[in-house]
Amino acid sequence: MSPFEMFSASIGNFGFPLVLSIYLLIRFEKRIETLTTAIYELLQVVKKDP
């Protein structure tokens, strides 16, 4: 079964919003981690500068 067929079957079984949410969460997980690190580093810089 190809990935597209599995994706289509999942949409039919679970509904489009659920499948889309899971896809976006997996796709953006790395970017969210990178942004979290950048925000933490920015917080440390702001705390050093009075």
N, C-alpha and C. Protein backbone atom coordinates (compact mmCIF):
# COMPACT_ATOMS: atom_id res chain seq x y z
N MET A 1 0.85 -1.18 0.00
CA MET A 1 0.00 0.00 0.00
C MET A 1 0.90 1.24 0.00
N SER A 2 0.66 2.14 -0.94
CA SER A 2 1.47 3.35 -1.05
C SER A 2 1.08 4.35 0.04
N PRO A 3 1.96 5.31 0.31
CA PRO A 3 1.64 6.33 1.32
C PRO A 3 0.37 7.11 0.98
N PHE A 4 0.16 7.38 -0.31
CA PHE A 4 -1.05 8.10 -0.70
C PHE A 4 -2.30 7.29 -0.41
N GLU A 5 -2.26 5.99 -0.67
CA GLU A 5 -3.41 5.12 -0.39
C GLU A 5 -3.67 5.05 1.11
N MET A 6 -2.60 4.98 1.89
CA MET A 6 -2.77 4.95 3.35
C MET A 6 -3.36 6.26 3.84
N PHE A 7 -2.89 7.39 3.27
CA PHE A 7 -3.40 8.70 3.64
C PHE A 7 -4.88 8.82 3.28
N SER A 8 -5.26 8.35 2.11
CA SER A 8 -6.66 8.39 1.68
C SER A 8 -7.54 7.52 2.57
N ALA A 9 -7.06 6.36 2.93
CA ALA A 9 -7.83 5.47 3.80
C ALA A 9 -7.99 6.09 5.18
N SER A 10 -6.96 6.77 5.66
CA SER A 10 -7.04 7.41 6.98
C SER A 10 -8.05 8.53 6.97
N ILE A 11 -8.10 9.29 5.90
CA ILE A 11 -9.09 10.37 5.80
C ILE A 11 -10.50 9.78 5.85
N GLY A 12 -10.71 8.70 5.14
CA GLY A 12 -12.03 8.05 5.14
C GLY A 12 -12.40 7.50 6.50
N ASN A 13 -11.43 6.99 7.21
CA ASN A 13 -11.72 6.35 8.50
C ASN A 13 -11.81 7.35 9.65
N PHE A 14 -10.95 8.35 9.67
CA PHE A 14 -10.85 9.22 10.84
C PHE A 14 -11.32 10.64 10.61
N GLY A 15 -11.47 11.02 9.40
CA GLY A 15 -11.92 12.37 9.12
C GLY A 15 -10.77 13.29 8.77
N PHE A 16 -11.06 14.22 7.92
CA PHE A 16 -10.05 15.14 7.42
C PHE A 16 -9.40 15.99 8.51
N PRO A 17 -10.15 16.58 9.44
CA PRO A 17 -9.49 17.45 10.43
C PRO A 17 -8.46 16.72 11.30
N LEU A 18 -8.76 15.50 11.69
CA LEU A 18 -7.83 14.74 12.52
C LEU A 18 -6.56 14.40 11.75
N VAL A 19 -6.71 13.94 10.54
CA VAL A 19 -5.55 13.57 9.72
C VAL A 19 -4.70 14.81 9.42
N LEU A 20 -5.33 15.91 9.10
CA LEU A 20 -4.59 17.15 8.82
C LEU A 20 -3.84 17.64 10.05
N SER A 21 -4.46 17.57 11.21
CA SER A 21 -3.80 17.99 12.45
C SER A 21 -2.58 17.15 12.75
N ILE A 22 -2.69 15.86 12.60
CA ILE A 22 -1.55 14.98 12.85
C ILE A 22 -0.43 15.25 11.85
N TYR A 23 -0.79 15.42 10.59
CA TYR A 23 0.22 15.70 9.56
C TYR A 23 0.97 17.00 9.88
N LEU A 24 0.24 18.04 10.23
CA LEU A 24 0.88 19.32 10.52
C LEU A 24 1.73 19.24 11.78
N LEU A 25 1.27 18.53 12.78
CA LEU A 25 2.05 18.38 14.01
C LEU A 25 3.38 17.69 13.72
N ILE A 26 3.35 16.64 12.96
CA ILE A 26 4.58 15.92 12.62
C ILE A 26 5.49 16.79 11.77
N ARG A 27 4.91 17.50 10.83
CA ARG A 27 5.70 18.31 9.90
C ARG A 27 6.36 19.50 10.59
N PHE A 28 5.67 20.13 11.53
CA PHE A 28 6.19 21.34 12.16
C PHE A 28 6.86 21.10 13.50
N GLU A 29 6.98 19.86 13.92
CA GLU A 29 7.56 19.57 15.24
C GLU A 29 8.99 20.11 15.35
N LYS A 30 9.81 19.90 14.35
CA LYS A 30 11.20 20.36 14.40
C LYS A 30 11.26 21.88 14.44
N ARG A 31 10.40 22.53 13.67
CA ARG A 31 10.40 24.00 13.67
C ARG A 31 9.97 24.54 15.03
N ILE A 32 9.04 23.89 15.67
CA ILE A 32 8.58 24.32 16.99
C ILE A 32 9.72 24.19 18.00
N GLU A 33 10.46 23.10 17.92
CA GLU A 33 11.60 22.92 18.82
C GLU A 33 12.66 24.00 18.59
N THR A 34 12.92 24.34 17.34
CA THR A 34 13.90 25.37 17.02
C THR A 34 13.44 26.73 17.55
N LEU A 35 12.18 27.05 17.38
CA LEU A 35 11.66 28.32 17.89
C LEU A 35 11.71 28.37 19.41
N THR A 36 11.43 27.27 20.07
CA THR A 36 11.49 27.22 21.52
C THR A 36 12.91 27.50 22.01
N THR A 37 13.88 26.91 21.36
CA THR A 37 15.29 27.15 21.71
C THR A 37 15.66 28.61 21.49
N ALA A 38 15.23 29.18 20.37
CA ALA A 38 15.55 30.57 20.07
C ALA A 38 14.92 31.51 21.10
N ILE A 39 13.71 31.23 21.51
CA ILE A 39 13.03 32.06 22.51
C ILE A 39 13.76 31.96 23.85
N TYR A 40 14.19 30.77 24.23
CA TYR A 40 14.92 30.59 25.47
C TYR A 40 16.24 31.37 25.44
N GLU A 41 16.96 31.30 24.31
CA GLU A 41 18.22 32.03 24.20
C GLU A 41 17.99 33.54 24.24
N LEU A 42 16.94 34.01 23.62
CA LEU A 42 16.61 35.43 23.65
C LEU A 42 16.28 35.87 25.07
N LEU A 43 15.59 35.04 25.81
CA LEU A 43 15.27 35.35 27.20
C LEU A 43 16.54 35.49 28.03
N GLN A 44 17.52 34.63 27.79
CA GLN A 44 18.78 34.71 28.51
C GLN A 44 19.52 36.00 28.19
N VAL A 45 19.50 36.43 26.93
CA VAL A 45 20.15 37.68 26.53
C VAL A 45 19.46 38.87 27.17
N VAL A 46 18.14 38.85 27.20
CA VAL A 46 17.38 39.97 27.79
C VAL A 46 17.64 40.06 29.29
N LYS A 47 17.77 38.93 29.94
CA LYS A 47 18.03 38.93 31.40
C LYS A 47 19.41 39.49 31.70
N LYS A 48 20.41 39.27 30.82
CA LYS A 48 21.76 39.78 31.05
C LYS A 48 21.83 41.28 30.89
N ASP A 49 21.12 41.83 29.92
CA ASP A 49 21.14 43.27 29.62
C ASP A 49 20.10 44.00 30.48
N PRO A 50 20.58 44.82 31.43
CA PRO A 50 19.60 45.57 32.24
C PRO A 50 19.01 46.76 31.51
